[in-house]
């Protein structure tokens, strides 16, 4: 799986959490947010190998665009995004790319940049 596919899945998950789930509760126009919602986006290897250990994420996702990792292989990466629930798709994609770079930095990919995604 490439990072472009990961971005598409995370974008769809974020859109669902921020826009579609509130509609299931009621009329979104009648609801008011106490604060912008926080959504955690996570890339995880959930299925353990035969030895019971979760495989390294880079065995399933091509993380090479993020550059070298100074912390070794990981089985998950995650980032939390706090943002207004309603925004156009281009703005959500921009914020997602920035969040992915922030996530990459936090997990040891110090050379990751938005233009590499």
C-alpha atoms as a PDB file:
ATOM      1  CA  UNK A   1       0.000   0.000   0.000  1.00  0.00           C
ATOM      2  CA  UNK A   2       1.324   3.427  -0.862  1.00  0.00           C
ATOM      3  CA  UNK A   3       1.077   6.623   1.162  1.00  0.00           C
ATOM      4  CA  UNK A   4      -1.366   8.042  -1.389  1.00  0.00           C
ATOM      5  CA  UNK A   5      -3.744   5.161  -0.598  1.00  0.00           C
ATOM      6  CA  UNK A   6      -3.237   5.661   3.131  1.00  0.00           C
ATOM      7  CA  UNK A   7      -4.052   9.354   2.718  1.00  0.00           C
ATOM      8  CA  UNK A   8      -7.250   8.514   0.822  1.00  0.00           C
ATOM      9  CA  UNK A   9      -8.397   6.115   3.565  1.00  0.00           C
ATOM     10  CA  UNK A  10      -7.557   8.570   6.362  1.00  0.00           C
ATOM     11  CA  UNK A  11      -9.292  11.414   4.526  1.00  0.00           C
ATOM     12  CA  UNK A  12     -12.438   9.313   4.128  1.00  0.00           C
ATOM     13  CA  UNK A  13     -12.325   8.310   7.804  1.00  0.00           C
ATOM     14  CA  UNK A  14     -11.916  11.926   8.913  1.00  0.00           C
ATOM     15  CA  UNK A  15     -14.743  13.121   6.660  1.00  0.00           C
ATOM     16  CA  UNK A  16     -16.991  10.399   8.073  1.00  0.00           C
ATOM     17  CA  UNK A  17     -16.143  11.269  11.679  1.00  0.00           C
ATOM     18  CA  UNK A  18     -16.455  15.027  11.223  1.00  0.00           C
ATOM     19  CA  UNK A  19     -19.347  15.329   8.799  1.00  0.00           C
ATOM     20  CA  UNK A  20     -21.437  12.179   8.481  1.00  0.00           C
ATOM     21  CA  UNK A  21     -21.587  10.921  12.072  1.00  0.00           C
ATOM     22  CA  UNK A  22     -23.012  14.198  13.460  1.00  0.00           C
ATOM     23  CA  UNK A  23     -25.765  14.024  10.812  1.00  0.00           C
ATOM     24  CA  UNK A  24     -26.795  10.639  12.223  1.00  0.00           C
ATOM     25  CA  UNK A  25     -27.441  12.284  15.612  1.00  0.00           C
ATOM     26  CA  UNK A  26     -29.668  15.053  14.318  1.00  0.00           C
ATOM     27  CA  UNK A  27     -29.804  18.210  12.286  1.00  0.00           C
ATOM     28  CA  UNK A  28     -26.183  19.450  12.093  1.00  0.00           C
ATOM     29  CA  UNK A  29     -27.366  23.049  11.670  1.00  0.00           C
ATOM     30  CA  UNK A  30     -29.193  22.850  15.018  1.00  0.00           C
ATOM     31  CA  UNK A  31     -26.178  21.412  16.853  1.00  0.00           C
ATOM     32  CA  UNK A  32     -23.500  23.621  18.314  1.00  0.00           C
ATOM     33  CA  UNK A  33     -20.013  22.447  19.126  1.00  0.00           C
ATOM     34  CA  UNK A  34     -18.528  23.296  22.517  1.00  0.00           C
ATOM     35  CA  UNK A  35     -15.130  23.252  20.802  1.00  0.00           C
ATOM     36  CA  UNK A  36     -13.751  21.947  17.530  1.00  0.00           C
ATOM     37  CA  UNK A  37     -13.746  18.132  17.609  1.00  0.00           C
ATOM     38  CA  UNK A  38     -10.520  16.163  17.852  1.00  0.00           C
ATOM     39  CA  UNK A  39     -10.149  13.185  15.537  1.00  0.00           C
ATOM     40  CA  UNK A  40      -7.369  10.633  15.913  1.00  0.00           C
ATOM     41  CA  UNK A  41      -6.118   9.138  12.679  1.00  0.00           C
ATOM     42  CA  UNK A  42      -4.125   5.945  13.048  1.00  0.00           C
ATOM     43  CA  UNK A  43      -2.280   3.570  10.739  1.00  0.00           C
ATOM     44  CA  UNK A  44      -1.884   0.239  12.536  1.00  0.00           C
ATOM     45  CA  UNK A  45      -0.871  -3.331  11.797  1.00  0.00           C
ATOM     46  CA  UNK A  46      -3.613  -5.086  13.763  1.00  0.00           C
ATOM     47  CA  UNK A  47      -3.106  -8.696  12.681  1.00  0.00           C
ATOM     48  CA  UNK A  48      -0.276 -10.292  14.675  1.00  0.00           C
ATOM     49  CA  UNK A  49       2.150 -12.627  12.953  1.00  0.00           C
ATOM     50  CA  UNK A  50       2.309 -16.335  13.834  1.00  0.00           C
ATOM     51  CA  UNK A  51       4.665 -15.505  16.713  1.00  0.00           C
ATOM     52  CA  UNK A  52       2.055 -13.136  18.243  1.00  0.00           C
ATOM     53  CA  UNK A  53       3.968  -9.948  17.403  1.00  0.00           C
ATOM     54  CA  UNK A  54       2.400  -7.277  15.227  1.00  0.00           C
ATOM     55  CA  UNK A  55       4.434  -6.773  12.036  1.00  0.00           C
ATOM     56  CA  UNK A  56       6.263  -3.562  11.284  1.00  0.00           C
ATOM     57  CA  UNK A  57       4.102  -1.051   9.454  1.00  0.00           C
ATOM     58  CA  UNK A  58       6.699  -0.625   6.731  1.00  0.00           C
ATOM     59  CA  UNK A  59       6.148  -4.258   5.668  1.00  0.00           C
ATOM     60  CA  UNK A  60       2.612  -3.310   4.577  1.00  0.00           C
ATOM     61  CA  UNK A  61       2.865   0.399   3.758  1.00  0.00           C
ATOM     62  CA  UNK A  62       5.554   2.018   1.625  1.00  0.00           C
ATOM     63  CA  UNK A  63       6.903   4.632   4.035  1.00  0.00           C
ATOM     64  CA  UNK A  64       9.968   5.500   1.937  1.00  0.00           C
ATOM     65  CA  UNK A  65       8.567   8.942   0.916  1.00  0.00           C
ATOM     66  CA  UNK A  66       8.852   9.925   4.591  1.00  0.00           C
ATOM     67  CA  UNK A  67      12.614   9.391   4.524  1.00  0.00           C
ATOM     68  CA  UNK A  68      14.713   7.349   6.953  1.00  0.00           C
ATOM     69  CA  UNK A  69      13.386   6.544  10.423  1.00  0.00           C
ATOM     70  CA  UNK A  70      15.700   7.193  13.348  1.00  0.00           C
ATOM     71  CA  UNK A  71      13.540   5.165  15.744  1.00  0.00           C
ATOM     72  CA  UNK A  72      13.373   1.792  14.009  1.00  0.00           C
ATOM     73  CA  UNK A  73      10.323  -0.029  12.680  1.00  0.00           C
ATOM     74  CA  UNK A  74       6.932   0.577  14.266  1.00  0.00           C
ATOM     75  CA  UNK A  75       3.627  -1.257  14.127  1.00  0.00           C
ATOM     76  CA  UNK A  76       1.576   1.940  14.249  1.00  0.00           C
ATOM     77  CA  UNK A  77       1.579   5.669  13.569  1.00  0.00           C
ATOM     78  CA  UNK A  78      -1.089   8.069  14.861  1.00  0.00           C
ATOM     79  CA  UNK A  79      -1.932  11.752  14.909  1.00  0.00           C
ATOM     80  CA  UNK A  80      -4.746  13.783  16.470  1.00  0.00           C
ATOM     81  CA  UNK A  81      -6.323  16.624  14.516  1.00  0.00           C
ATOM     82  CA  UNK A  82      -8.443  19.326  16.137  1.00  0.00           C
ATOM     83  CA  UNK A  83     -10.274  21.306  13.489  1.00  0.00           C
ATOM     84  CA  UNK A  84     -13.660  22.693  12.558  1.00  0.00           C
ATOM     85  CA  UNK A  85     -15.956  19.849  11.513  1.00  0.00           C
ATOM     86  CA  UNK A  86     -17.124  21.474   8.282  1.00  0.00           C
ATOM     87  CA  UNK A  87     -14.580  22.492   5.667  1.00  0.00           C
ATOM     88  CA  UNK A  88     -14.095  21.995   1.966  1.00  0.00           C
ATOM     89  CA  UNK A  89     -12.246  18.917   0.771  1.00  0.00           C
ATOM     90  CA  UNK A  90      -9.150  20.803  -0.395  1.00  0.00           C
ATOM     91  CA  UNK A  91      -8.689  22.359   3.058  1.00  0.00           C
ATOM     92  CA  UNK A  92      -9.189  18.978   4.763  1.00  0.00           C
ATOM     93  CA  UNK A  93      -6.608  17.394   2.417  1.00  0.00           C
ATOM     94  CA  UNK A  94      -4.120  20.182   3.182  1.00  0.00           C
ATOM     95  CA  UNK A  95      -4.584  19.763   6.931  1.00  0.00           C
ATOM     96  CA  UNK A  96      -4.298  15.986   6.595  1.00  0.00           C
ATOM     97  CA  UNK A  97      -0.978  16.260   4.767  1.00  0.00           C
ATOM     98  CA  UNK A  98       0.360  18.632   7.437  1.00  0.00           C
ATOM     99  CA  UNK A  99      -0.874  16.267  10.171  1.00  0.00           C
ATOM    100  CA  UNK A 100       0.805  13.294   8.476  1.00  0.00           C
ATOM    101  CA  UNK A 101       4.116  15.174   8.420  1.00  0.00           C
ATOM    102  CA  UNK A 102       3.666  16.045  12.102  1.00  0.00           C
ATOM    103  CA  UNK A 103       2.919  12.369  12.801  1.00  0.00           C
ATOM    104  CA  UNK A 104       5.953  11.251  10.823  1.00  0.00           C
ATOM    105  CA  UNK A 105       8.221  13.617  12.765  1.00  0.00           C
ATOM    106  CA  UNK A 106       6.811  12.385  16.094  1.00  0.00           C
ATOM    107  CA  UNK A 107       7.542   8.781  15.120  1.00  0.00           C
ATOM    108  CA  UNK A 108      11.127   9.307  13.971  1.00  0.00           C
ATOM    109  CA  UNK A 109      10.819  10.294  10.304  1.00  0.00           C
ATOM    110  CA  UNK A 110      12.652  13.589  10.779  1.00  0.00           C
ATOM    111  CA  UNK A 111      13.095  14.295   7.046  1.00  0.00           C
ATOM    112  CA  UNK A 112       9.371  14.062   6.194  1.00  0.00           C
ATOM    113  CA  UNK A 113       7.977  17.078   4.341  1.00  0.00           C
ATOM    114  CA  UNK A 114       4.559  17.924   2.945  1.00  0.00           C
ATOM    115  CA  UNK A 115       5.879  18.096  -0.624  1.00  0.00           C
ATOM    116  CA  UNK A 116       7.095  14.469  -0.320  1.00  0.00           C
ATOM    117  CA  UNK A 117       3.561  13.148   0.209  1.00  0.00           C
END
